[in-house]
Amino acid sequence: MNSWINLDAVWKIVVVGLLTGAGLPALFALGLRLLNPTGAAGEPSAVRPSAVRPAAGPVGSTLAGLIFAVVLAAIGWGISVIVGHR
């Protein structure tokens, strides 16, 4: 092994990078998807007039709100890590 490379640190960086780099945008997309349900024929509601667009429903809106809260909390945590609270 090379003494210049700390494999434990590299592993942690890769895992956190994958979670924040791919996981948070995927969660955000899931939240948006929960707010925009499909119609009966399977087409997105964006292709239909707004008068016949179905509501997301209370469950979808609640789950989307929780997902957005998790994403905002992760963003706040990342900013606090970068700033470095003392």
PDB file of N, CA and C in Angstrom:
ATOM      1  N   MET A   1       0.829  -1.194   0.000  1.00  0.00           N
ATOM      2  CA  MET A   1       0.000   0.000   0.000  1.00  0.00           C
ATOM      3  C   MET A   1       0.866   1.246   0.000  1.00  0.00           C
ATOM      4  N   ASN A   2       0.358   2.254  -0.616  1.00  0.00           N
ATOM      5  CA  ASN A   2       1.037   3.532  -0.666  1.00  0.00           C
ATOM      6  C   ASN A   2       0.696   4.313   0.598  1.00  0.00           C
ATOM      7  N   SER A   3       1.687   4.847   1.250  1.00  0.00           N
ATOM      8  CA  SER A   3       1.435   5.584   2.491  1.00  0.00           C
ATOM      9  C   SER A   3       0.846   6.968   2.221  1.00  0.00           C
ATOM     10  N   TRP A   4       0.798   7.380   0.995  1.00  0.00           N
ATOM     11  CA  TRP A   4       0.242   8.691   0.667  1.00  0.00           C
ATOM     12  C   TRP A   4      -1.275   8.665   0.529  1.00  0.00           C
ATOM     13  N   ILE A   5      -1.834   7.485   0.323  1.00  0.00           N
ATOM     14  CA  ILE A   5      -3.274   7.363   0.097  1.00  0.00           C
ATOM     15  C   ILE A   5      -3.918   6.717   1.317  1.00  0.00           C
ATOM     16  N   ASN A   6      -4.845   7.428   1.917  1.00  0.00           N
ATOM     17  CA  ASN A   6      -5.610   6.907   3.046  1.00  0.00           C
ATOM     18  C   ASN A   6      -6.911   6.349   2.481  1.00  0.00           C
ATOM     19  N   LEU A   7      -6.965   5.015   2.341  1.00  0.00           N
ATOM     20  CA  LEU A   7      -8.128   4.395   1.713  1.00  0.00           C
ATOM     21  C   LEU A   7      -9.394   4.567   2.537  1.00  0.00           C
ATOM     22  N   ASP A   8      -9.283   4.654   3.845  1.00  0.00           N
ATOM     23  CA  ASP A   8     -10.452   4.882   4.686  1.00  0.00           C
ATOM     24  C   ASP A   8     -11.070   6.248   4.382  1.00  0.00           C
ATOM     25  N   ALA A   9     -10.240   7.254   4.239  1.00  0.00           N
ATOM     26  CA  ALA A   9     -10.741   8.596   3.916  1.00  0.00           C
ATOM     27  C   ALA A   9     -11.306   8.641   2.497  1.00  0.00           C
ATOM     28  N   VAL A  10     -10.663   7.963   1.556  1.00  0.00           N
ATOM     29  CA  VAL A  10     -11.152   7.941   0.178  1.00  0.00           C
ATOM     30  C   VAL A  10     -12.531   7.287   0.122  1.00  0.00           C
ATOM     31  N   TRP A  11     -12.717   6.191   0.853  1.00  0.00           N
ATOM     32  CA  TRP A  11     -14.001   5.503   0.881  1.00  0.00           C
ATOM     33  C   TRP A  11     -15.101   6.411   1.423  1.00  0.00           C
ATOM     34  N   LYS A  12     -14.808   7.127   2.515  1.00  0.00           N
ATOM     35  CA  LYS A  12     -15.796   8.041   3.093  1.00  0.00           C
ATOM     36  C   LYS A  12     -16.156   9.155   2.120  1.00  0.00           C
ATOM     37  N   ILE A  13     -15.170   9.689   1.436  1.00  0.00           N
ATOM     38  CA  ILE A  13     -15.406  10.767   0.481  1.00  0.00           C
ATOM     39  C   ILE A  13     -16.264  10.286  -0.682  1.00  0.00           C
ATOM     40  N   VAL A  14     -16.005   9.088  -1.169  1.00  0.00           N
ATOM     41  CA  VAL A  14     -16.773   8.542  -2.288  1.00  0.00           C
ATOM     42  C   VAL A  14     -18.227   8.309  -1.882  1.00  0.00           C
ATOM     43  N   VAL A  15     -18.443   7.740  -0.699  1.00  0.00           N
ATOM     44  CA  VAL A  15     -19.812   7.465  -0.252  1.00  0.00           C
ATOM     45  C   VAL A  15     -20.589   8.759  -0.044  1.00  0.00           C
ATOM     46  N   VAL A  16     -20.003   9.725   0.645  1.00  0.00           N
ATOM     47  CA  VAL A  16     -20.698  11.000   0.873  1.00  0.00           C
ATOM     48  C   VAL A  16     -20.917  11.724  -0.449  1.00  0.00           C
ATOM     49  N   GLY A  17     -19.954  11.662  -1.341  1.00  0.00           N
ATOM     50  CA  GLY A  17     -20.111  12.299  -2.648  1.00  0.00           C
ATOM     51  C   GLY A  17     -21.239  11.687  -3.463  1.00  0.00           C
ATOM     52  N   LEU A  18     -21.351  10.368  -3.433  1.00  0.00           N
ATOM     53  CA  LEU A  18     -22.442   9.718  -4.156  1.00  0.00           C
ATOM     54  C   LEU A  18     -23.795  10.044  -3.538  1.00  0.00           C
ATOM     55  N   LEU A  19     -23.869  10.037  -2.211  1.00  0.00           N
ATOM     56  CA  LEU A  19     -25.138  10.336  -1.546  1.00  0.00           C
ATOM     57  C   LEU A  19     -25.588  11.762  -1.813  1.00  0.00           C
ATOM     58  N   THR A  20     -24.678  12.704  -1.711  1.00  0.00           N
ATOM     59  CA  THR A  20     -25.060  14.104  -1.908  1.00  0.00           C
ATOM     60  C   THR A  20     -25.102  14.483  -3.383  1.00  0.00           C
ATOM     61  N   GLY A  21     -24.258  13.890  -4.186  1.00  0.00           N
ATOM     62  CA  GLY A  21     -24.210  14.239  -5.601  1.00  0.00           C
ATOM     63  C   GLY A  21     -25.300  13.608  -6.432  1.00  0.00           C
ATOM     64  N   ALA A  22     -25.736  12.414  -6.057  1.00  0.00           N
ATOM     65  CA  ALA A  22     -26.799  11.739  -6.797  1.00  0.00           C
ATOM     66  C   ALA A  22     -28.054  11.554  -5.952  1.00  0.00           C
ATOM     67  N   GLY A  23     -27.883  11.376  -4.663  1.00  0.00           N
ATOM     68  CA  GLY A  23     -29.018  11.089  -3.793  1.00  0.00           C
ATOM     69  C   GLY A  23     -29.930  12.280  -3.570  1.00  0.00           C
ATOM     70  N   LEU A  24     -29.363  13.443  -3.291  1.00  0.00           N
ATOM     71  CA  LEU A  24     -30.196  14.620  -3.047  1.00  0.00           C
ATOM     72  C   LEU A  24     -30.960  15.068  -4.291  1.00  0.00           C
ATOM     73  N   PRO A  25     -30.345  15.112  -5.472  1.00  0.00           N
ATOM     74  CA  PRO A  25     -31.148  15.437  -6.658  1.00  0.00           C
ATOM     75  C   PRO A  25     -32.224  14.387  -6.947  1.00  0.00           C
ATOM     76  N   ALA A  26     -31.935  13.126  -6.658  1.00  0.00           N
ATOM     77  CA  ALA A  26     -32.945  12.081  -6.858  1.00  0.00           C
ATOM     78  C   ALA A  26     -34.103  12.265  -5.883  1.00  0.00           C
ATOM     79  N   LEU A  27     -33.807  12.612  -4.634  1.00  0.00           N
ATOM     80  CA  LEU A  27     -34.867  12.881  -3.672  1.00  0.00           C
ATOM     81  C   LEU A  27     -35.709  14.082  -4.094  1.00  0.00           C
ATOM     82  N   PHE A  28     -35.046  15.121  -4.561  1.00  0.00           N
ATOM     83  CA  PHE A  28     -35.765  16.309  -5.020  1.00  0.00           C
ATOM     84  C   PHE A  28     -36.685  15.958  -6.188  1.00  0.00           C
ATOM     85  N   ALA A  29     -36.184  15.155  -7.132  1.00  0.00           N
ATOM     86  CA  ALA A  29     -37.002  14.740  -8.274  1.00  0.00           C
ATOM     87  C   ALA A  29     -38.193  13.900  -7.812  1.00  0.00           C
ATOM     88  N   LEU A  30     -37.989  13.055  -6.813  1.00  0.00           N
ATOM     89  CA  LEU A  30     -39.086  12.269  -6.271  1.00  0.00           C
ATOM     90  C   LEU A  30     -40.142  13.170  -5.628  1.00  0.00           C
ATOM     91  N   GLY A  31     -39.705  14.196  -4.920  1.00  0.00           N
ATOM     92  CA  GLY A  31     -40.642  15.147  -4.340  1.00  0.00           C
ATOM     93  C   GLY A  31     -41.451  15.870  -5.398  1.00  0.00           C
ATOM     94  N   LEU A  32     -40.802  16.275  -6.474  1.00  0.00           N
ATOM     95  CA  LEU A  32     -41.524  16.924  -7.568  1.00  0.00           C
ATOM     96  C   LEU A  32     -42.500  15.957  -8.223  1.00  0.00           C
ATOM     97  N   ARG A  33     -42.093  14.712  -8.346  1.00  0.00           N
ATOM     98  CA  ARG A  33     -42.968  13.708  -8.959  1.00  0.00           C
ATOM     99  C   ARG A  33     -44.208  13.468  -8.098  1.00  0.00           C
ATOM    100  N   LEU A  34     -44.039  13.502  -6.779  1.00  0.00           N
ATOM    101  CA  LEU A  34     -45.186  13.318  -5.891  1.00  0.00           C
ATOM    102  C   LEU A  34     -46.164  14.481  -5.978  1.00  0.00           C
ATOM    103  N   LEU A  35     -45.669  15.662  -6.336  1.00  0.00           N
ATOM    104  CA  LEU A  35     -46.553  16.823  -6.481  1.00  0.00           C
ATOM    105  C   LEU A  35     -47.254  16.872  -7.827  1.00  0.00           C
ATOM    106  N   ASN A  36     -46.789  16.099  -8.795  1.00  0.00           N
ATOM    107  CA  ASN A  36     -47.345  16.129 -10.149  1.00  0.00           C
ATOM    108  C   ASN A  36     -47.763  14.717 -10.550  1.00  0.00           C
ATOM    109  N   PRO A  37     -48.935  14.252 -10.105  1.00  0.00           N
ATOM    110  CA  PRO A  37     -49.345  12.883 -10.420  1.00  0.00           C
ATOM    111  C   PRO A  37     -49.733  12.723 -11.883  1.00  0.00           C
ATOM    112  N   THR A  38     -49.738  11.478 -12.346  1.00  0.00           N
ATOM    113  CA  THR A  38     -50.146  11.201 -13.726  1.00  0.00           C
ATOM    114  C   THR A  38     -51.656  11.067 -13.800  1.00  0.00           C
ATOM    115  N   GLY A  39     -52.167  11.207 -14.982  1.00  0.00           N
ATOM    116  CA  GLY A  39     -53.600  11.069 -15.198  1.00  0.00           C
ATOM    117  C   GLY A  39     -53.988   9.605 -15.341  1.00  0.00           C
ATOM    118  N   ALA A  40     -55.213   9.376 -15.720  1.00  0.00           N
ATOM    119  CA  ALA A  40     -55.723   8.019 -15.837  1.00  0.00           C
ATOM    120  C   ALA A  40     -55.043   7.269 -16.980  1.00  0.00           C
ATOM    121  N   ALA A  41     -54.700   7.968 -18.063  1.00  0.00           N
ATOM    122  CA  ALA A  41     -54.066   7.312 -19.206  1.00  0.00           C
ATOM    123  C   ALA A  41     -52.564   7.195 -19.051  1.00  0.00           C
ATOM    124  N   GLY A  42     -51.997   7.710 -17.975  1.00  0.00           N
ATOM    125  CA  GLY A  42     -50.567   7.611 -17.743  1.00  0.00           C
ATOM    126  C   GLY A  42     -49.770   8.800 -18.230  1.00  0.00           C
ATOM    127  N   GLU A  43     -50.401   9.760 -18.870  1.00  0.00           N
ATOM    128  CA  GLU A  43     -49.663  10.929 -19.344  1.00  0.00           C
ATOM    129  C   GLU A  43     -49.451  11.900 -18.189  1.00  0.00           C
ATOM    130  N   PRO A  44     -48.357  12.612 -18.209  1.00  0.00           N
ATOM    131  CA  PRO A  44     -48.140  13.618 -17.159  1.00  0.00           C
ATOM    132  C   PRO A  44     -49.230  14.674 -17.200  1.00  0.00           C
ATOM    133  N   SER A  45     -49.538  15.218 -16.048  1.00  0.00           N
ATOM    134  CA  SER A  45     -50.612  16.208 -15.997  1.00  0.00           C
ATOM    135  C   SER A  45     -50.213  17.524 -16.649  1.00  0.00           C
ATOM    136  N   ALA A  46     -48.943  17.711 -16.989  1.00  0.00           N
ATOM    137  CA  ALA A  46     -48.503  18.953 -17.620  1.00  0.00           C
ATOM    138  C   ALA A  46     -49.008  19.066 -19.052  1.00  0.00           C
ATOM    139  N   VAL A  47     -49.377  17.936 -19.686  1.00  0.00           N
ATOM    140  CA  VAL A  47     -49.839  18.006 -21.068  1.00  0.00           C
ATOM    141  C   VAL A  47     -51.332  18.264 -21.151  1.00  0.00           C
ATOM    142  N   ARG A  48     -52.020  18.271 -20.019  1.00  0.00           N
ATOM    143  CA  ARG A  48     -53.455  18.537 -20.001  1.00  0.00           C
ATOM    144  C   ARG A  48     -53.701  19.961 -19.519  1.00  0.00           C
ATOM    145  N   PRO A  49     -54.855  20.518 -19.843  1.00  0.00           N
ATOM    146  CA  PRO A  49     -55.172  21.859 -19.333  1.00  0.00           C
ATOM    147  C   PRO A  49     -55.213  21.860 -17.809  1.00  0.00           C
ATOM    148  N   SER A  50     -54.917  23.013 -17.232  1.00  0.00           N
ATOM    149  CA  SER A  50     -54.860  23.099 -15.780  1.00  0.00           C
ATOM    150  C   SER A  50     -56.217  22.868 -15.128  1.00  0.00           C
ATOM    151  N   ALA A  51     -57.303  23.044 -15.879  1.00  0.00           N
ATOM    152  CA  ALA A  51     -58.631  22.863 -15.303  1.00  0.00           C
ATOM    153  C   ALA A  51     -58.909  21.400 -14.971  1.00  0.00           C
ATOM    154  N   VAL A  52     -58.275  20.465 -15.687  1.00  0.00           N
ATOM    155  CA  VAL A  52     -58.522  19.049 -15.426  1.00  0.00           C
ATOM    156  C   VAL A  52     -57.329  18.373 -14.767  1.00  0.00           C
ATOM    157  N   ARG A  53     -56.341  19.139 -14.345  1.00  0.00           N
ATOM    158  CA  ARG A  53     -55.160  18.574 -13.691  1.00  0.00           C
ATOM    159  C   ARG A  53     -55.540  18.090 -12.294  1.00  0.00           C
ATOM    160  N   PRO A  54     -55.255  16.809 -11.968  1.00  0.00           N
ATOM    161  CA  PRO A  54     -55.622  16.310 -10.648  1.00  0.00           C
ATOM    162  C   PRO A  54     -54.715  16.873  -9.565  1.00  0.00           C
ATOM    163  N   ALA A  55     -55.242  16.975  -8.373  1.00  0.00           N
ATOM    164  CA  ALA A  55     -54.449  17.441  -7.243  1.00  0.00           C
ATOM    165  C   ALA A  55     -53.517  16.327  -6.792  1.00  0.00           C
ATOM    166  N   ALA A  56     -52.446  16.704  -6.110  1.00  0.00           N
ATOM    167  CA  ALA A  56     -51.475  15.719  -5.647  1.00  0.00           C
ATOM    168  C   ALA A  56     -52.041  14.877  -4.521  1.00  0.00           C
ATOM    169  N   GLY A  57     -52.998  15.380  -3.807  1.00  0.00           N
ATOM    170  CA  GLY A  57     -53.559  14.636  -2.690  1.00  0.00           C
ATOM    171  C   GLY A  57     -52.801  14.918  -1.411  1.00  0.00           C
ATOM    172  N   PRO A  58     -53.421  14.661  -0.286  1.00  0.00           N
ATOM    173  CA  PRO A  58     -52.772  14.978   0.981  1.00  0.00           C
ATOM    174  C   PRO A  58     -51.550  14.109   1.267  1.00  0.00           C
ATOM    175  N   VAL A  59     -51.597  12.854   0.862  1.00  0.00           N
ATOM    176  CA  VAL A  59     -50.453  11.972   1.126  1.00  0.00           C
ATOM    177  C   VAL A  59     -49.258  12.382   0.274  1.00  0.00           C
ATOM    178  N   GLY A  60     -49.499  12.640  -1.008  1.00  0.00           N
ATOM    179  CA  GLY A  60     -48.414  13.054  -1.893  1.00  0.00           C
ATOM    180  C   GLY A  60     -47.810  14.383  -1.480  1.00  0.00           C
ATOM    181  N   SER A  61     -48.657  15.319  -1.085  1.00  0.00           N
ATOM    182  CA  SER A  61     -48.158  16.625  -0.656  1.00  0.00           C
ATOM    183  C   SER A  61     -47.360  16.519   0.638  1.00  0.00           C
ATOM    184  N   THR A  62     -47.826  15.680   1.558  1.00  0.00           N
ATOM    185  CA  THR A  62     -47.103  15.504   2.820  1.00  0.00           C
ATOM    186  C   THR A  62     -45.748  14.843   2.593  1.00  0.00           C
ATOM    187  N   LEU A  63     -45.729  13.789   1.787  1.00  0.00           N
ATOM    188  CA  LEU A  63     -44.453  13.124   1.495  1.00  0.00           C
ATOM    189  C   LEU A  63     -43.497  14.056   0.757  1.00  0.00           C
ATOM    190  N   ALA A  64     -44.018  14.831  -0.188  1.00  0.00           N
ATOM    191  CA  ALA A  64     -43.169  15.780  -0.909  1.00  0.00           C
ATOM    192  C   ALA A  64     -42.608  16.825   0.043  1.00  0.00           C
ATOM    193  N   GLY A  65     -43.432  17.320   0.964  1.00  0.00           N
ATOM    194  CA  GLY A  65     -42.941  18.282   1.951  1.00  0.00           C
ATOM    195  C   GLY A  65     -41.861  17.702   2.834  1.00  0.00           C
ATOM    196  N   LEU A  66     -42.017  16.448   3.258  1.00  0.00           N
ATOM    197  CA  LEU A  66     -40.981  15.802   4.069  1.00  0.00           C
ATOM    198  C   LEU A  66     -39.689  15.620   3.277  1.00  0.00           C
ATOM    199  N   ILE A  67     -39.822  15.244   2.017  1.00  0.00           N
ATOM    200  CA  ILE A  67     -38.634  15.063   1.180  1.00  0.00           C
ATOM    201  C   ILE A  67     -37.918  16.395   0.977  1.00  0.00           C
ATOM    202  N   PHE A  68     -38.678  17.461   0.714  1.00  0.00           N
ATOM    203  CA  PHE A  68     -38.058  18.771   0.546  1.00  0.00           C
ATOM    204  C   PHE A  68     -37.398  19.238   1.841  1.00  0.00           C
ATOM    205  N   ALA A  69     -37.974  18.907   2.981  1.00  0.00           N
ATOM    206  CA  ALA A  69     -37.370  19.254   4.273  1.00  0.00           C
ATOM    207  C   ALA A  69     -36.045  18.519   4.460  1.00  0.00           C
ATOM    208  N   VAL A  70     -35.985  17.262   4.059  1.00  0.00           N
ATOM    209  CA  VAL A  70     -34.734  16.500   4.158  1.00  0.00           C
ATOM    210  C   VAL A  70     -33.668  17.116   3.253  1.00  0.00           C
ATOM    211  N   VAL A  71     -34.057  17.482   2.044  1.00  0.00           N
ATOM    212  CA  VAL A  71     -33.101  18.097   1.113  1.00  0.00           C
ATOM    213  C   VAL A  71     -32.605  19.430   1.666  1.00  0.00           C
ATOM    214  N   LEU A  72     -33.499  20.251   2.200  1.00  0.00           N
ATOM    215  CA  LEU A  72     -33.081  21.537   2.782  1.00  0.00           C
ATOM    216  C   LEU A  72     -32.197  21.338   4.006  1.00  0.00           C
ATOM    217  N   ALA A  73     -32.501  20.338   4.820  1.00  0.00           N
ATOM    218  CA  ALA A  73     -31.663  20.051   5.988  1.00  0.00           C
ATOM    219  C   ALA A  73     -30.262  19.618   5.560  1.00  0.00           C
ATOM    220  N   ALA A  74     -30.173  18.817   4.515  1.00  0.00           N
ATOM    221  CA  ALA A  74     -28.863  18.387   4.019  1.00  0.00           C
ATOM    222  C   ALA A  74     -28.081  19.568   3.459  1.00  0.00           C
ATOM    223  N   ILE A  75     -28.768  20.476   2.783  1.00  0.00           N
ATOM    224  CA  ILE A  75     -28.095  21.671   2.267  1.00  0.00           C
ATOM    225  C   ILE A  75     -27.596  22.534   3.423  1.00  0.00           C
ATOM    226  N   GLY A  76     -28.436  22.729   4.434  1.00  0.00           N
ATOM    227  CA  GLY A  76     -28.018  23.499   5.611  1.00  0.00           C
ATOM    228  C   GLY A  76     -26.857  22.862   6.339  1.00  0.00           C
ATOM    229  N   TRP A  77     -26.887  21.527   6.462  1.00  0.00           N
ATOM    230  CA  TRP A  77     -25.773  20.822   7.117  1.00  0.00           C
ATOM    231  C   TRP A  77     -24.487  21.017   6.312  1.00  0.00           C
ATOM    232  N   GLY A  78     -24.586  20.912   4.988  1.00  0.00           N
ATOM    233  CA  GLY A  78     -23.402  21.092   4.154  1.00  0.00           C
ATOM    234  C   GLY A  78     -22.823  22.492   4.264  1.00  0.00           C
ATOM    235  N   ILE A  79     -23.691  23.502   4.304  1.00  0.00           N
ATOM    236  CA  ILE A  79     -23.205  24.873   4.470  1.00  0.00           C
ATOM    237  C   ILE A  79     -22.535  25.038   5.825  1.00  0.00           C
ATOM    238  N   SER A  80     -23.129  24.448   6.868  1.00  0.00           N
ATOM    239  CA  SER A  80     -22.528  24.588   8.211  1.00  0.00           C
ATOM    240  C   SER A  80     -21.184  23.867   8.286  1.00  0.00           C
ATOM    241  N   VAL A  81     -21.034  22.769   7.576  1.00  0.00           N
ATOM    242  CA  VAL A  81     -19.738  22.079   7.561  1.00  0.00           C
ATOM    243  C   VAL A  81     -18.698  22.926   6.843  1.00  0.00           C
ATOM    244  N   ILE A  82     -19.102  23.536   5.740  1.00  0.00           N
ATOM    245  CA  ILE A  82     -18.165  24.367   4.989  1.00  0.00           C
ATOM    246  C   ILE A  82     -17.761  25.596   5.777  1.00  0.00           C
ATOM    247  N   VAL A  83     -18.729  26.255   6.416  1.00  0.00           N
ATOM    248  CA  VAL A  83     -18.437  27.456   7.176  1.00  0.00           C
ATOM    249  C   VAL A  83     -17.615  27.102   8.414  1.00  0.00           C
ATOM    250  N   GLY A  84     -17.909  25.979   9.023  1.00  0.00           N
ATOM    251  CA  GLY A  84     -17.132  25.535  10.180  1.00  0.00           C
ATOM    252  C   GLY A  84     -17.492  26.248  11.466  1.00  0.00           C
ATOM    253  N   HIS A  85     -18.631  25.914  12.028  1.00  0.00           N
ATOM    254  CA  HIS A  85     -19.051  26.526  13.308  1.00  0.00           C
ATOM    255  C   HIS A  85     -18.011  26.263  14.390  1.00  0.00           C
ATOM    256  N   ARG A  86     -17.792  27.257  15.199  1.00  0.00           N
ATOM    257  CA  ARG A  86     -16.813  27.101  16.281  1.00  0.00           C
ATOM    258  C   ARG A  86     -17.488  27.207  17.622  1.00  0.00           C
TER     259      ARG A  86
END
